[in-house]
């Protein structure tokens, strides 16, 4: 289970995250590896919005909209593929560390490095 440091992370960002908090928590819970400061969801394999919607008991269209909101806010890196979304959790934006069970390759903090890591993950 993902633990939030100090419990204040989401409160600090509540205006930006808004109703997308559930998709953010889902993504954080499904981080399986970390590369260059990005938490890779499902080993960077594409995830269908329908799968997230089923888990959250929401409409897939709502999930897509909320994922885009989180990407615009800098909380997620998204890459749309024919098989779904590749999702990267931007831990630096959340001032959050993943569980100790998540493997970490490095902790670079430059935006270009984070984007490159998400691109490499495909």
Protein backbone atom coordinates (compact mmCIF):
# COMPACT_ATOMS: atom_id res chain seq x y z
CA UNK A 1 0.00 0.00 0.00
CA UNK A 2 1.22 3.50 -0.82
CA UNK A 3 1.79 5.76 2.15
CA UNK A 4 1.57 9.54 1.96
CA UNK A 5 4.22 11.44 3.88
CA UNK A 6 2.73 13.49 6.64
CA UNK A 7 -0.77 13.08 5.21
CA UNK A 8 -0.62 16.61 3.80
CA UNK A 9 0.35 15.91 0.20
CA UNK A 10 -3.16 15.75 -1.20
CA UNK A 11 -4.41 18.63 0.94
CA UNK A 12 -1.70 20.92 -0.45
CA UNK A 13 -2.76 20.08 -4.00
CA UNK A 14 -6.51 19.60 -3.56
CA UNK A 15 -7.52 22.50 -5.83
CA UNK A 16 -5.45 21.15 -8.73
CA UNK A 17 -6.22 17.47 -8.18
CA UNK A 18 -9.92 17.93 -7.42
CA UNK A 19 -12.11 14.93 -8.19
CA UNK A 20 -9.18 13.18 -9.90
CA UNK A 21 -7.83 12.20 -6.48
CA UNK A 22 -9.10 8.63 -6.94
CA UNK A 23 -7.24 8.12 -10.22
CA UNK A 24 -4.10 9.54 -8.59
CA UNK A 25 -4.39 7.18 -5.63
CA UNK A 26 -5.08 4.27 -8.00
CA UNK A 27 -1.97 5.13 -9.99
CA UNK A 28 0.18 5.45 -6.88
CA UNK A 29 -1.08 2.10 -5.63
CA UNK A 30 -0.15 0.42 -8.94
CA UNK A 31 3.44 1.68 -9.20
CA UNK A 32 5.63 -1.36 -9.77
CA UNK A 33 9.01 0.27 -10.49
CA UNK A 34 10.66 3.65 -10.36
CA UNK A 35 12.96 5.11 -12.98
CA UNK A 36 14.48 8.59 -12.98
CA UNK A 37 12.04 9.83 -10.35
CA UNK A 38 8.97 8.48 -12.14
CA UNK A 39 6.84 5.75 -10.62
CA UNK A 40 5.98 3.37 -13.45
CA UNK A 41 2.47 1.99 -13.26
CA UNK A 42 2.15 -1.68 -14.21
CA UNK A 43 5.82 -1.87 -15.29
CA UNK A 44 5.05 0.84 -17.91
CA UNK A 45 2.68 -1.53 -19.73
CA UNK A 46 -0.40 0.21 -21.13
CA UNK A 47 -3.45 0.29 -18.86
CA UNK A 48 -6.94 0.69 -20.30
CA UNK A 49 -9.17 3.39 -18.84
CA UNK A 50 -11.84 0.70 -18.57
CA UNK A 51 -9.64 -1.27 -16.14
CA UNK A 52 -9.19 1.76 -13.90
CA UNK A 53 -12.89 2.58 -14.20
CA UNK A 54 -13.83 -0.95 -13.16
CA UNK A 55 -11.58 -0.75 -10.09
CA UNK A 56 -12.91 2.69 -9.13
CA UNK A 57 -16.51 1.96 -10.14
CA UNK A 58 -16.52 4.96 -12.49
CA UNK A 59 -17.17 5.57 -16.15
CA UNK A 60 -14.13 5.12 -18.44
CA UNK A 61 -14.76 8.56 -19.94
CA UNK A 62 -14.52 10.11 -16.47
CA UNK A 63 -11.26 8.24 -15.86
CA UNK A 64 -9.78 9.56 -19.13
CA UNK A 65 -10.79 13.12 -18.25
CA UNK A 66 -9.32 12.82 -14.74
CA UNK A 67 -6.07 11.30 -16.03
CA UNK A 68 -5.68 14.27 -18.41
CA UNK A 69 -6.37 16.66 -15.52
CA UNK A 70 -3.61 15.01 -13.47
CA UNK A 71 -1.23 15.15 -16.44
CA UNK A 72 -1.95 18.88 -16.95
CA UNK A 73 -1.26 19.45 -13.25
CA UNK A 74 2.08 17.64 -13.52
CA UNK A 75 1.11 14.75 -11.24
CA UNK A 76 1.15 12.07 -13.94
CA UNK A 77 3.04 11.50 -17.14
CA UNK A 78 0.71 9.98 -19.73
CA UNK A 79 1.41 8.39 -23.07
CA UNK A 80 -1.58 7.22 -25.05
CA UNK A 81 -1.03 3.97 -26.95
CA UNK A 82 -3.40 1.79 -28.98
CA UNK A 83 -3.57 -0.56 -25.97
CA UNK A 84 -4.23 2.10 -23.31
CA UNK A 85 -2.25 4.64 -21.30
CA UNK A 86 1.29 4.30 -20.08
CA UNK A 87 1.23 6.08 -16.74
CA UNK A 88 4.11 7.53 -14.78
CA UNK A 89 3.55 9.02 -11.33
CA UNK A 90 5.56 12.21 -10.87
CA UNK A 91 6.66 11.64 -7.26
CA UNK A 92 8.72 14.85 -7.17
CA UNK A 93 5.51 16.85 -7.76
CA UNK A 94 3.84 15.12 -4.82
CA UNK A 95 6.86 15.34 -2.50
CA UNK A 96 6.22 11.65 -1.90
CA UNK A 97 8.33 8.52 -1.71
CA UNK A 98 6.92 5.20 -2.87
CA UNK A 99 6.91 2.12 -0.67
CA UNK A 100 10.26 0.51 0.02
CA UNK A 101 9.04 -2.47 -2.05
CA UNK A 102 9.22 -0.39 -5.25
CA UNK A 103 12.56 -0.74 -7.03
CA UNK A 104 14.32 2.55 -7.72
CA UNK A 105 16.81 2.92 -10.57
CA UNK A 106 17.76 6.56 -9.86
CA UNK A 107 16.33 9.87 -8.72
CA UNK A 108 17.03 12.47 -11.40
CA UNK A 109 14.88 15.56 -11.09
CA UNK A 110 15.04 17.33 -14.46
CA UNK A 111 11.85 17.47 -16.54
CA UNK A 112 13.62 16.25 -19.68
CA UNK A 113 14.99 13.25 -17.78
CA UNK A 114 11.52 12.36 -16.48
CA UNK A 115 10.06 12.54 -19.98
CA UNK A 116 12.91 10.45 -21.35
CA UNK A 117 12.33 7.83 -18.66
CA UNK A 118 8.66 7.54 -19.58
CA UNK A 119 9.61 7.27 -23.27
CA UNK A 120 12.21 4.55 -22.48
CA UNK A 121 9.63 2.61 -20.53
CA UNK A 122 7.55 1.80 -23.58
